[in-house]
Amino acid sequence: MGYSIEKLSSKKFFIKLISRDWDFIINEFLSFFDNVYGDKFKRLKRLKKLYILLFEYRNNFSLYNKKDINLIIEKIILLGYNLVDNSKRKILISEYLSLYNIIGTDTIESFKINDNKKPINSYFLLGLILVDGNIYVRIRKTTNLPWFIPSLRVGQKITEDNLLLLNNIKNVLDQYKIYSNISAVNHLYVISINHINNMEKISK
């Protein structure tokens, strides 16, 4: 792998790891992400399906007829287009397909990928909080003294998979009597943990 050191708009630096080696990414690197969930899990599975399709296409091209080739190209474009959030793409998938004179008839739902059913472990939860979480203190006015409420908030893009993920996290927290709630805020599903007792339990 290669790497680059870059700066965010917040002025903080980060290290970006880079690889363009398909065999390394699929056969070595993805094994480190067996315990991800939600959208990320399904996108990594789609990446592997894309790799397999590309491999078959390159190695068996001479054996295919025109119809078979078009079907494979359509699936390759469909998987590539849906590997990341495509809601902000300026070019429609139909424009990519039209480059090969293909009228799209398939949808990404045809690539059925089951949800990750592995129990959520504390390492995953800690990683999610460190990467996507916000810990802060809310201040409420009372008659005598201000009331300080420690809170934890983790947001994920509004998708069916991410709602399922947050509900699974809530179920895990409930087992430890750490009470949380899930809500929709703008473009995110948010799981929130409030109160000092809950925050003390999750910090342990």
N, C-alpha and C. Protein backbone atom coordinates (compact mmCIF):
# COMPACT_ATOMS: atom_id res chain seq x y z
N MET A 1 0.83 -1.19 0.00
CA MET A 1 0.00 0.00 0.00
C MET A 1 0.87 1.24 0.00
N GLY A 2 0.31 2.28 -0.59
CA GLY A 2 0.95 3.58 -0.48
C GLY A 2 0.20 4.41 0.55
N TYR A 3 0.65 5.64 0.78
CA TYR A 3 -0.05 6.50 1.72
C TYR A 3 0.20 7.96 1.37
N SER A 4 -0.68 8.81 1.86
CA SER A 4 -0.47 10.24 1.73
C SER A 4 -0.90 10.89 3.03
N ILE A 5 -0.26 12.01 3.38
CA ILE A 5 -0.64 12.78 4.56
C ILE A 5 -1.34 14.04 4.09
N GLU A 6 -2.59 14.20 4.52
CA GLU A 6 -3.40 15.32 4.03
C GLU A 6 -3.99 16.09 5.20
N LYS A 7 -4.54 17.26 4.90
CA LYS A 7 -5.09 18.12 5.93
C LYS A 7 -6.59 18.33 5.69
N LEU A 8 -7.38 18.21 6.75
CA LEU A 8 -8.81 18.44 6.68
C LEU A 8 -9.09 19.94 6.74
N SER A 9 -10.35 20.32 6.48
CA SER A 9 -10.73 21.72 6.58
C SER A 9 -10.60 22.23 8.02
N SER A 10 -10.63 21.29 8.98
CA SER A 10 -10.47 21.65 10.40
C SER A 10 -9.01 21.90 10.76
N LYS A 11 -8.10 21.77 9.78
CA LYS A 11 -6.65 21.95 9.95
C LYS A 11 -5.96 20.74 10.59
N LYS A 12 -6.72 19.69 10.85
CA LYS A 12 -6.11 18.48 11.40
C LYS A 12 -5.56 17.62 10.27
N PHE A 13 -4.49 16.91 10.56
CA PHE A 13 -3.88 16.03 9.57
C PHE A 13 -4.42 14.61 9.69
N PHE A 14 -4.44 13.90 8.58
CA PHE A 14 -4.79 12.49 8.61
C PHE A 14 -3.96 11.74 7.58
N ILE A 15 -3.78 10.45 7.82
CA ILE A 15 -3.04 9.59 6.90
C ILE A 15 -4.02 8.77 6.08
N LYS A 16 -3.90 8.85 4.78
CA LYS A 16 -4.76 8.08 3.87
C LYS A 16 -3.95 6.92 3.28
N LEU A 17 -4.42 5.70 3.51
CA LEU A 17 -3.79 4.53 2.92
C LEU A 17 -4.39 4.28 1.54
N ILE A 18 -3.55 3.93 0.57
CA ILE A 18 -4.00 3.82 -0.82
C ILE A 18 -3.49 2.52 -1.43
N SER A 19 -4.39 1.82 -2.13
CA SER A 19 -3.96 0.66 -2.90
C SER A 19 -4.84 0.55 -4.15
N ARG A 20 -4.23 0.24 -5.28
CA ARG A 20 -4.95 0.00 -6.52
C ARG A 20 -4.81 -1.46 -6.96
N ASP A 21 -4.32 -2.28 -6.05
CA ASP A 21 -4.11 -3.70 -6.34
C ASP A 21 -5.36 -4.48 -5.95
N TRP A 22 -6.15 -4.87 -6.96
CA TRP A 22 -7.42 -5.56 -6.73
C TRP A 22 -7.23 -6.82 -5.89
N ASP A 23 -6.22 -7.63 -6.23
CA ASP A 23 -6.00 -8.89 -5.52
C ASP A 23 -5.72 -8.64 -4.04
N PHE A 24 -4.92 -7.64 -3.76
CA PHE A 24 -4.60 -7.31 -2.38
C PHE A 24 -5.84 -6.81 -1.63
N ILE A 25 -6.59 -5.91 -2.26
CA ILE A 25 -7.78 -5.33 -1.62
C ILE A 25 -8.81 -6.42 -1.29
N ILE A 26 -9.09 -7.28 -2.26
CA ILE A 26 -10.14 -8.29 -2.08
C ILE A 26 -9.68 -9.44 -1.20
N ASN A 27 -8.50 -9.95 -1.46
CA ASN A 27 -8.07 -11.19 -0.79
C ASN A 27 -7.35 -10.97 0.54
N GLU A 28 -6.83 -9.77 0.77
CA GLU A 28 -6.11 -9.51 2.01
C GLU A 28 -6.79 -8.43 2.86
N PHE A 29 -7.00 -7.30 2.26
CA PHE A 29 -7.45 -6.13 3.02
C PHE A 29 -8.87 -6.28 3.57
N LEU A 30 -9.80 -6.83 2.75
CA LEU A 30 -11.20 -6.93 3.18
C LEU A 30 -11.39 -7.84 4.37
N SER A 31 -10.45 -8.75 4.60
CA SER A 31 -10.59 -9.66 5.74
C SER A 31 -10.56 -8.91 7.07
N PHE A 32 -10.04 -7.69 7.08
CA PHE A 32 -10.00 -6.90 8.31
C PHE A 32 -11.35 -6.23 8.59
N PHE A 33 -12.31 -6.36 7.67
CA PHE A 33 -13.59 -5.67 7.83
C PHE A 33 -14.77 -6.65 7.94
N ASP A 34 -14.50 -7.82 8.48
CA ASP A 34 -15.55 -8.82 8.65
C ASP A 34 -16.61 -8.40 9.66
N ASN A 35 -16.26 -7.49 10.56
CA ASN A 35 -17.18 -7.12 11.62
C ASN A 35 -17.81 -5.74 11.45
N VAL A 36 -17.88 -5.25 10.22
CA VAL A 36 -18.62 -4.02 9.98
C VAL A 36 -20.08 -4.37 9.73
N TYR A 37 -20.95 -3.38 9.80
CA TYR A 37 -22.38 -3.61 9.68
C TYR A 37 -23.01 -2.57 8.76
N GLY A 38 -24.31 -2.74 8.51
CA GLY A 38 -25.07 -1.74 7.77
C GLY A 38 -24.59 -1.55 6.34
N ASP A 39 -24.64 -0.29 5.90
CA ASP A 39 -24.28 0.06 4.52
C ASP A 39 -22.85 -0.34 4.18
N LYS A 40 -21.92 -0.11 5.10
CA LYS A 40 -20.51 -0.41 4.82
C LYS A 40 -20.33 -1.90 4.53
N PHE A 41 -21.01 -2.73 5.29
CA PHE A 41 -20.91 -4.17 5.10
C PHE A 41 -21.37 -4.56 3.70
N LYS A 42 -22.53 -4.03 3.29
CA LYS A 42 -23.08 -4.40 1.99
C LYS A 42 -22.23 -3.84 0.84
N ARG A 43 -21.67 -2.67 1.03
CA ARG A 43 -20.86 -2.08 -0.04
C ARG A 43 -19.56 -2.86 -0.24
N LEU A 44 -18.98 -3.35 0.85
CA LEU A 44 -17.78 -4.16 0.72
C LEU A 44 -18.09 -5.49 0.03
N LYS A 45 -19.26 -6.06 0.31
CA LYS A 45 -19.68 -7.29 -0.36
C LYS A 45 -19.91 -7.04 -1.86
N ARG A 46 -20.46 -5.86 -2.19
CA ARG A 46 -20.66 -5.50 -3.60
C ARG A 46 -19.32 -5.33 -4.29
N LEU A 47 -18.33 -4.78 -3.58
CA LEU A 47 -17.00 -4.61 -4.15
C LEU A 47 -16.43 -5.97 -4.54
N LYS A 48 -16.63 -6.96 -3.69
CA LYS A 48 -16.13 -8.31 -3.99
C LYS A 48 -16.86 -8.90 -5.20
N LYS A 49 -18.17 -8.68 -5.30
CA LYS A 49 -18.93 -9.16 -6.45
C LYS A 49 -18.45 -8.48 -7.73
N LEU A 50 -18.13 -7.19 -7.62
CA LEU A 50 -17.62 -6.44 -8.77
C LEU A 50 -16.30 -7.03 -9.23
N TYR A 51 -15.44 -7.35 -8.30
CA TYR A 51 -14.14 -7.95 -8.61
C TYR A 51 -14.32 -9.27 -9.35
N ILE A 52 -15.24 -10.10 -8.88
CA ILE A 52 -15.48 -11.41 -9.51
C ILE A 52 -16.01 -11.23 -10.93
N LEU A 53 -16.93 -10.28 -11.11
CA LEU A 53 -17.48 -10.01 -12.45
C LEU A 53 -16.39 -9.53 -13.41
N LEU A 54 -15.56 -8.61 -12.95
CA LEU A 54 -14.47 -8.10 -13.79
C LEU A 54 -13.50 -9.21 -14.17
N PHE A 55 -13.21 -10.07 -13.23
CA PHE A 55 -12.30 -11.19 -13.47
C PHE A 55 -12.88 -12.12 -14.53
N GLU A 56 -14.17 -12.45 -14.40
CA GLU A 56 -14.82 -13.34 -15.37
C GLU A 56 -14.88 -12.68 -16.74
N TYR A 57 -15.18 -11.39 -16.76
CA TYR A 57 -15.30 -10.66 -18.03
C TYR A 57 -13.98 -10.66 -18.79
N ARG A 58 -12.89 -10.38 -18.08
CA ARG A 58 -11.58 -10.30 -18.73
C ARG A 58 -11.08 -11.66 -19.22
N ASN A 59 -11.37 -12.70 -18.45
CA ASN A 59 -10.83 -14.01 -18.76
C ASN A 59 -11.69 -14.84 -19.71
N ASN A 60 -12.95 -14.44 -19.88
CA ASN A 60 -13.84 -15.23 -20.74
C ASN A 60 -14.49 -14.41 -21.84
N PHE A 61 -13.91 -13.22 -22.11
CA PHE A 61 -14.51 -12.31 -23.08
C PHE A 61 -14.78 -12.98 -24.42
N SER A 62 -13.84 -13.76 -24.90
CA SER A 62 -13.96 -14.36 -26.23
C SER A 62 -15.08 -15.41 -26.31
N LEU A 63 -15.55 -15.87 -25.16
CA LEU A 63 -16.58 -16.91 -25.13
C LEU A 63 -18.00 -16.34 -25.12
N TYR A 64 -18.11 -15.03 -24.86
CA TYR A 64 -19.44 -14.43 -24.71
C TYR A 64 -19.97 -13.91 -26.04
N ASN A 65 -21.31 -13.94 -26.17
CA ASN A 65 -21.95 -13.25 -27.29
C ASN A 65 -22.29 -11.83 -26.86
N LYS A 66 -22.79 -11.05 -27.80
CA LYS A 66 -23.05 -9.63 -27.55
C LYS A 66 -24.03 -9.43 -26.40
N LYS A 67 -25.06 -10.26 -26.34
CA LYS A 67 -26.07 -10.12 -25.28
C LYS A 67 -25.45 -10.39 -23.91
N ASP A 68 -24.64 -11.43 -23.81
CA ASP A 68 -23.98 -11.76 -22.54
C ASP A 68 -23.04 -10.64 -22.09
N ILE A 69 -22.31 -10.10 -23.05
CA ILE A 69 -21.38 -9.01 -22.74
C ILE A 69 -22.13 -7.80 -22.18
N ASN A 70 -23.25 -7.45 -22.81
CA ASN A 70 -24.05 -6.32 -22.35
C ASN A 70 -24.60 -6.54 -20.94
N LEU A 71 -25.01 -7.76 -20.66
CA LEU A 71 -25.53 -8.08 -19.32
C LEU A 71 -24.45 -7.92 -18.26
N ILE A 72 -23.24 -8.38 -18.57
CA ILE A 72 -22.14 -8.28 -17.62
C ILE A 72 -21.72 -6.83 -17.43
N ILE A 73 -21.64 -6.06 -18.53
CA ILE A 73 -21.28 -4.64 -18.43
C ILE A 73 -22.32 -3.90 -17.59
N GLU A 74 -23.60 -4.22 -17.79
CA GLU A 74 -24.65 -3.57 -17.00
C GLU A 74 -24.47 -3.85 -15.51
N LYS A 75 -24.17 -5.09 -15.16
CA LYS A 75 -23.97 -5.45 -13.75
C LYS A 75 -22.73 -4.77 -13.17
N ILE A 76 -21.66 -4.67 -13.98
CA ILE A 76 -20.43 -4.01 -13.53
C ILE A 76 -20.70 -2.54 -13.24
N ILE A 77 -21.38 -1.86 -14.15
CA ILE A 77 -21.70 -0.44 -13.96
C ILE A 77 -22.62 -0.26 -12.77
N LEU A 78 -23.60 -1.14 -12.63
CA LEU A 78 -24.57 -1.06 -11.53
C LEU A 78 -23.87 -1.19 -10.18
N LEU A 79 -22.97 -2.15 -10.07
CA LEU A 79 -22.23 -2.34 -8.82
C LEU A 79 -21.30 -1.16 -8.54
N GLY A 80 -20.56 -0.72 -9.57
CA GLY A 80 -19.65 0.40 -9.39
C GLY A 80 -20.36 1.67 -8.99
N TYR A 81 -21.53 1.91 -9.58
CA TYR A 81 -22.31 3.12 -9.31
C TYR A 81 -22.84 3.14 -7.87
N ASN A 82 -23.09 1.96 -7.32
CA ASN A 82 -23.70 1.87 -5.99
C ASN A 82 -22.74 1.47 -4.88
N LEU A 83 -21.43 1.55 -5.15
CA LEU A 83 -20.47 1.23 -4.09
C LEU A 83 -20.46 2.28 -3.00
N VAL A 84 -20.70 3.53 -3.37
CA VAL A 84 -20.74 4.62 -2.40
C VAL A 84 -22.06 5.35 -2.54
N ASP A 85 -22.31 6.29 -1.66
CA ASP A 85 -23.54 7.08 -1.70
C ASP A 85 -23.66 7.77 -3.06
N ASN A 86 -24.70 7.42 -3.82
CA ASN A 86 -24.84 8.00 -5.16
C ASN A 86 -25.89 9.11 -5.21
N SER A 87 -26.39 9.55 -4.05
CA SER A 87 -27.46 10.55 -4.04
C SER A 87 -27.01 11.91 -4.57
N LYS A 88 -25.70 12.17 -4.54
CA LYS A 88 -25.21 13.48 -4.99
C LYS A 88 -24.50 13.39 -6.34
N ARG A 89 -24.61 12.27 -7.00
CA ARG A 89 -23.98 12.14 -8.31
C ARG A 89 -24.66 13.06 -9.32
N LYS A 90 -23.86 13.71 -10.14
CA LYS A 90 -24.40 14.60 -11.17
C LYS A 90 -24.73 13.84 -12.45
N ILE A 91 -24.09 12.69 -12.63
CA ILE A 91 -24.33 11.88 -13.84
C ILE A 91 -25.18 10.68 -13.47
N LEU A 92 -26.29 10.50 -14.17
CA LEU A 92 -27.18 9.38 -13.90
C LEU A 92 -26.57 8.08 -14.42
N ILE A 93 -26.96 6.97 -13.81
CA ILE A 93 -26.43 5.67 -14.25
C ILE A 93 -26.83 5.39 -15.69
N SER A 94 -27.98 5.90 -16.13
CA SER A 94 -28.44 5.67 -17.50
C SER A 94 -27.46 6.26 -18.51
N GLU A 95 -26.76 7.34 -18.13
CA GLU A 95 -25.78 7.94 -19.04
C GLU A 95 -24.55 7.06 -19.20
N TYR A 96 -24.13 6.40 -18.12
CA TYR A 96 -23.02 5.46 -18.21
C TYR A 96 -23.40 4.26 -19.08
N LEU A 97 -24.62 3.76 -18.88
CA LEU A 97 -25.08 2.61 -19.66
C LEU A 97 -25.22 2.95 -21.14
N SER A 98 -25.63 4.19 -21.43
CA SER A 98 -25.82 4.60 -22.82
C SER A 98 -24.51 4.61 -23.61
N LEU A 99 -23.38 4.73 -22.90
CA LEU A 99 -22.07 4.68 -23.57
C LEU A 99 -21.87 3.34 -24.27
N TYR A 100 -22.55 2.29 -23.78
CA TYR A 100 -22.45 0.95 -24.35
C TYR A 100 -23.75 0.54 -25.05
N ASN A 101 -24.61 1.56 -25.32
CA ASN A 101 -25.91 1.32 -25.97
C ASN A 101 -26.74 0.30 -25.18
N ILE A 102 -26.71 0.43 -23.85
CA ILE A 102 -27.46 -0.47 -22.98
C ILE A 102 -28.60 0.30 -22.33
N ILE A 103 -29.79 -0.26 -22.40
CA ILE A 103 -30.94 0.29 -21.68
C ILE A 103 -31.06 -0.51 -20.39
N GLY A 104 -30.83 0.13 -19.25
CA GLY A 104 -30.80 -0.58 -17.98
C GLY A 104 -32.12 -1.23 -17.62
N THR A 105 -32.09 -2.49 -17.26
CA THR A 105 -33.30 -3.21 -16.83
C THR A 105 -33.13 -3.78 -15.43
N ASP A 106 -31.92 -3.70 -14.89
CA ASP A 106 -31.61 -4.29 -13.60
C ASP A 106 -31.53 -3.22 -12.52
N THR A 107 -31.64 -3.61 -11.26
CA THR A 107 -31.47 -2.68 -10.14
C THR A 107 -30.50 -3.30 -9.14
N ILE A 108 -29.98 -2.47 -8.25
CA ILE A 108 -29.00 -2.96 -7.28
C ILE A 108 -29.62 -3.99 -6.34
N GLU A 109 -30.95 -3.96 -6.20
CA GLU A 109 -31.62 -4.92 -5.32
C GLU A 109 -31.47 -6.35 -5.82
N SER A 110 -31.13 -6.53 -7.07
CA SER A 110 -30.96 -7.88 -7.60
C SER A 110 -29.72 -8.56 -7.02
N PHE A 111 -28.79 -7.76 -6.48
CA PHE A 111 -27.60 -8.32 -5.82
C PHE A 111 -27.93 -8.50 -4.34
N LYS A 112 -28.61 -9.57 -4.04
CA LYS A 112 -29.08 -9.81 -2.68
C LYS A 112 -27.90 -10.08 -1.75
N ILE A 113 -27.78 -9.24 -0.73
CA ILE A 113 -26.73 -9.41 0.28
C ILE A 113 -27.39 -9.40 1.64
N ASN A 114 -27.23 -10.47 2.38
CA ASN A 114 -27.83 -10.57 3.70
C ASN A 114 -27.09 -9.68 4.70
N ASP A 115 -27.83 -9.23 5.71
CA ASP A 115 -27.23 -8.39 6.75
C ASP A 115 -26.23 -9.20 7.57
N ASN A 116 -25.27 -8.49 8.14
CA ASN A 116 -24.32 -9.13 9.05
C ASN A 116 -25.04 -9.48 10.35
N LYS A 117 -25.16 -10.76 10.63
CA LYS A 117 -25.91 -11.21 11.81
C LYS A 117 -25.01 -11.46 13.02
N LYS A 118 -23.70 -11.22 12.87
CA LYS A 118 -22.82 -11.43 14.01
C LYS A 118 -23.18 -10.48 15.15
N PRO A 119 -23.12 -10.95 16.40
CA PRO A 119 -23.40 -10.05 17.53
C PRO A 119 -22.43 -8.87 17.52
N ILE A 120 -22.95 -7.70 17.85
CA ILE A 120 -22.11 -6.50 17.90
C ILE A 120 -21.22 -6.59 19.13
N ASN A 121 -19.91 -6.45 18.93
CA ASN A 121 -19.01 -6.53 20.07
C ASN A 121 -18.56 -5.14 20.51
N SER A 122 -17.91 -5.09 21.67
CA SER A 122 -17.53 -3.81 22.26
C SER A 122 -16.48 -3.08 21.42
N TYR A 123 -15.63 -3.83 20.70
CA TYR A 123 -14.61 -3.18 19.86
C TYR A 123 -15.27 -2.39 18.72
N PHE A 124 -16.27 -3.03 18.09
CA PHE A 124 -16.98 -2.33 17.02
C PHE A 124 -17.67 -1.10 17.56
N LEU A 125 -18.36 -1.25 18.70
CA LEU A 125 -19.10 -0.14 19.28
C LEU A 125 -18.16 1.01 19.65
N LEU A 126 -17.02 0.68 20.23
CA LEU A 126 -16.04 1.70 20.59
C LEU A 126 -15.53 2.42 19.35
N GLY A 127 -15.23 1.66 18.30
CA GLY A 127 -14.76 2.26 17.05
C GLY A 127 -15.79 3.20 16.46
N LEU A 128 -17.07 2.78 16.49
CA LEU A 128 -18.15 3.62 15.95
C LEU A 128 -18.26 4.92 16.72
N ILE A 129 -18.16 4.83 18.06
CA ILE A 129 -18.25 6.04 18.89
C ILE A 129 -17.06 6.96 18.63
N LEU A 130 -15.85 6.39 18.53
CA LEU A 130 -14.66 7.22 18.32
C LEU A 130 -14.67 7.91 16.96
N VAL A 131 -15.19 7.22 15.94
CA VAL A 131 -15.17 7.77 14.58
C VAL A 131 -16.37 8.68 14.31
N ASP A 132 -17.57 8.21 14.66
CA ASP A 132 -18.80 8.93 14.28
C ASP A 132 -19.52 9.58 15.46
N GLY A 133 -19.01 9.39 16.68
CA GLY A 133 -19.73 9.88 17.86
C GLY A 133 -19.35 11.29 18.27
N ASN A 134 -20.27 11.92 18.97
CA ASN A 134 -20.04 13.23 19.58
C ASN A 134 -20.39 13.14 21.06
N ILE A 135 -19.45 13.48 21.92
CA ILE A 135 -19.70 13.50 23.35
C ILE A 135 -19.72 14.96 23.80
N TYR A 136 -20.75 15.35 24.51
CA TYR A 136 -20.89 16.75 24.89
C TYR A 136 -21.71 16.83 26.18
N VAL A 137 -21.85 18.03 26.71
CA VAL A 137 -22.63 18.25 27.92
C VAL A 137 -23.70 19.29 27.62
N ARG A 138 -24.94 18.92 27.91
CA ARG A 138 -26.04 19.87 27.79
C ARG A 138 -26.22 20.57 29.13
N ILE A 139 -26.56 21.85 29.10
CA ILE A 139 -26.75 22.61 30.32
C ILE A 139 -28.19 23.11 30.37
N ARG A 140 -28.88 22.75 31.46
CA ARG A 140 -30.25 23.21 31.66
C ARG A 140 -30.33 24.09 32.90
N LYS A 141 -31.14 25.10 32.80
CA LYS A 141 -31.31 26.00 33.93
C LYS A 141 -32.33 25.42 34.91
N THR A 142 -32.00 25.43 36.18
CA THR A 142 -32.94 25.02 37.23
C THR A 142 -33.13 26.19 38.19
N THR A 143 -33.95 25.97 39.20
CA THR A 143 -34.26 27.06 40.14
C THR A 143 -33.01 27.57 40.85
N ASN A 144 -32.17 26.63 41.28
CA ASN A 144 -31.00 27.02 42.07
C ASN A 144 -29.69 27.01 41.28
N LEU A 145 -29.35 25.82 40.74
CA LEU A 145 -28.08 25.65 40.04
C LEU A 145 -28.31 25.11 38.64
N PRO A 146 -27.35 25.34 37.73
CA PRO A 146 -27.48 24.73 36.39
C PRO A 146 -27.37 23.21 36.48
N TRP A 147 -28.03 22.52 35.57
CA TRP A 147 -28.05 21.06 35.54
C TRP A 147 -27.23 20.62 34.33
N PHE A 148 -26.15 19.89 34.58
CA PHE A 148 -25.25 19.45 33.52
C PHE A 148 -25.60 18.02 33.14
N ILE A 149 -25.88 17.78 31.85
CA ILE A 149 -26.30 16.46 31.38
C ILE A 149 -25.29 15.96 30.36
N PRO A 150 -24.43 15.00 30.73
CA PRO A 150 -23.49 14.43 29.75
C PRO A 150 -24.24 13.60 28.72
N SER A 151 -23.84 13.69 27.46
CA SER A 151 -24.57 13.03 26.38
C SER A 151 -23.61 12.47 25.34
N LEU A 152 -24.08 11.42 24.70
CA LEU A 152 -23.34 10.80 23.59
C LEU A 152 -24.30 10.67 22.42
N ARG A 153 -23.83 11.03 21.23
CA ARG A 153 -24.69 11.01 20.05
C ARG A 153 -23.91 10.41 18.88
N VAL A 154 -24.50 9.40 18.22
CA VAL A 154 -23.89 8.80 17.03
C VAL A 154 -24.89 8.87 15.89
N GLY A 155 -24.50 9.48 14.78
CA GLY A 155 -25.39 9.62 13.63
C GLY A 155 -24.92 8.79 12.45
N GLN A 156 -25.88 8.22 11.72
CA GLN A 156 -25.62 7.48 10.50
C GLN A 156 -26.63 7.91 9.45
N LYS A 157 -26.22 7.90 8.20
CA LYS A 157 -27.10 8.30 7.10
C LYS A 157 -28.41 7.51 7.15
N ILE A 158 -29.51 8.17 6.77
CA ILE A 158 -30.82 7.51 6.81
C ILE A 158 -30.92 6.47 5.70
N THR A 159 -30.75 5.22 6.10
CA THR A 159 -31.00 4.08 5.23
C THR A 159 -31.60 2.97 6.09
N GLU A 160 -32.27 2.03 5.44
CA GLU A 160 -32.86 0.92 6.17
C GLU A 160 -31.80 0.11 6.91
N ASP A 161 -30.64 -0.09 6.26
CA ASP A 161 -29.56 -0.86 6.88
C ASP A 161 -29.02 -0.17 8.13
N ASN A 162 -28.87 1.15 8.08
CA ASN A 162 -28.34 1.86 9.23
C ASN A 162 -29.34 1.92 10.38
N LEU A 163 -30.62 1.97 10.07
CA LEU A 163 -31.63 1.93 11.13
C LEU A 163 -31.58 0.58 11.84
N LEU A 164 -31.42 -0.49 11.06
CA LEU A 164 -31.28 -1.82 11.65
C LEU A 164 -30.04 -1.89 12.53
N LEU A 165 -28.94 -1.31 12.08
CA LEU A 165 -27.69 -1.28 12.85
C LEU A 165 -27.89 -0.58 14.19
N LEU A 166 -28.52 0.60 14.17
CA LEU A 166 -28.71 1.36 15.40
C LEU A 166 -29.66 0.64 16.36
N ASN A 167 -30.68 -0.04 15.81
CA ASN A 167 -31.57 -0.83 16.66
C ASN A 167 -30.84 -1.99 17.31
N ASN A 168 -29.91 -2.61 16.57
CA ASN A 168 -29.10 -3.69 17.14
C ASN A 168 -28.20 -3.16 18.27
N ILE A 169 -27.63 -1.97 18.05
CA ILE A 169 -26.81 -1.34 19.09
C ILE A 169 -27.65 -1.04 20.32
N LYS A 170 -28.86 -0.52 20.10
CA LYS A 170 -29.75 -0.22 21.22
C LYS A 170 -30.05 -1.48 22.03
N ASN A 171 -30.28 -2.59 21.33
CA ASN A 171 -30.56 -3.86 22.02
C ASN A 171 -29.37 -4.31 22.87
N VAL A 172 -28.15 -4.12 22.34
CA VAL A 172 -26.95 -4.48 23.10
C VAL A 172 -26.84 -3.59 24.34
N LEU A 173 -27.05 -2.29 24.18
CA LEU A 173 -26.96 -1.37 25.31
C LEU A 173 -28.01 -1.68 26.37
N ASP A 174 -29.21 -2.06 25.93
CA ASP A 174 -30.29 -2.39 26.87
C ASP A 174 -29.87 -3.54 27.78
N GLN A 175 -29.10 -4.49 27.25
CA GLN A 175 -28.65 -5.63 28.06
C GLN A 175 -27.78 -5.19 29.24
N TYR A 176 -27.09 -4.05 29.06
CA TYR A 176 -26.24 -3.53 30.12
C TYR A 176 -26.95 -2.41 30.90
N LYS A 177 -28.28 -2.31 30.67
CA LYS A 177 -29.08 -1.26 31.32
C LYS A 177 -28.54 0.14 31.02
N ILE A 178 -28.05 0.29 29.79
CA ILE A 178 -27.66 1.61 29.27
C ILE A 178 -28.78 2.04 28.34
N TYR A 179 -29.54 3.04 28.74
CA TYR A 179 -30.75 3.39 28.01
C TYR A 179 -30.46 4.45 26.94
N SER A 180 -31.00 4.23 25.76
CA SER A 180 -30.75 5.12 24.62
C SER A 180 -32.05 5.31 23.85
N ASN A 181 -32.03 6.26 22.94
CA ASN A 181 -33.17 6.43 22.04
C ASN A 181 -32.70 6.75 20.64
N ILE A 182 -33.50 6.38 19.65
CA ILE A 182 -33.17 6.58 18.23
C ILE A 182 -34.17 7.56 17.64
N SER A 183 -33.66 8.50 16.86
CA SER A 183 -34.53 9.48 16.20
C SER A 183 -33.96 9.83 14.84
N ALA A 184 -34.80 10.45 14.01
CA ALA A 184 -34.36 10.94 12.70
C ALA A 184 -34.12 12.44 12.82
N VAL A 185 -32.89 12.86 12.51
CA VAL A 185 -32.52 14.27 12.58
C VAL A 185 -31.93 14.68 11.24
N ASN A 186 -32.65 15.53 10.51
CA ASN A 186 -32.23 15.95 9.17
C ASN A 186 -32.01 14.71 8.29
N HIS A 187 -30.77 14.47 7.85
CA HIS A 187 -30.49 13.36 6.94
C HIS A 187 -29.88 12.17 7.67
N LEU A 188 -29.97 12.17 9.03
CA LEU A 188 -29.33 11.12 9.80
C LEU A 188 -30.31 10.41 10.73
N TYR A 189 -30.04 9.11 10.95
CA TYR A 189 -30.60 8.42 12.10
C TYR A 189 -29.61 8.62 13.24
N VAL A 190 -30.10 8.98 14.40
CA VAL A 190 -29.23 9.30 15.53
C VAL A 190 -29.61 8.45 16.73
N ILE A 191 -28.62 7.80 17.34
CA ILE A 191 -28.82 7.13 18.62
C ILE A 191 -28.18 8.01 19.69
N SER A 192 -28.95 8.32 20.73
CA SER A 192 -28.50 9.24 21.78
C SER A 192 -28.51 8.55 23.13
N ILE A 193 -27.48 8.82 23.90
CA ILE A 193 -27.38 8.32 25.27
C ILE A 193 -27.19 9.53 26.17
N ASN A 194 -28.08 9.68 27.14
CA ASN A 194 -28.04 10.83 28.03
C ASN A 194 -28.03 10.37 29.49
N HIS A 195 -27.69 11.27 30.36
CA HIS A 195 -27.71 11.07 31.81
C HIS A 195 -26.37 10.50 32.28
N ILE A 196 -25.97 10.95 33.45
CA ILE A 196 -24.65 10.58 33.98
C ILE A 196 -24.54 9.09 34.26
N ASN A 197 -25.65 8.45 34.70
CA ASN A 197 -25.60 7.01 34.99
C ASN A 197 -25.31 6.20 33.73
N ASN A 198 -25.99 6.54 32.63
CA ASN A 198 -25.76 5.85 31.36
C ASN A 198 -24.35 6.09 30.84
N MET A 199 -23.87 7.33 30.98
CA MET A 199 -22.53 7.65 30.47
C MET A 199 -21.44 6.96 31.30
N GLU A 200 -21.67 6.83 32.61
CA GLU A 200 -20.69 6.12 33.44
C GLU A 200 -20.61 4.65 33.03
N LYS A 201 -21.76 4.05 32.75
CA LYS A 201 -21.79 2.63 32.37
C LYS A 201 -21.09 2.40 31.03
N ILE A 202 -21.37 3.28 30.06
CA ILE A 202 -20.77 3.05 28.73
C ILE A 202 -19.28 3.37 28.75
N SER A 203 -18.83 4.26 29.63
CA SER A 203 -17.40 4.58 29.70
C SER A 203 -16.60 3.42 30.26
N LYS A 204 -17.28 2.51 30.98
CA LYS A 204 -16.60 1.34 31.54
C LYS A 204 -16.52 0.18 30.55
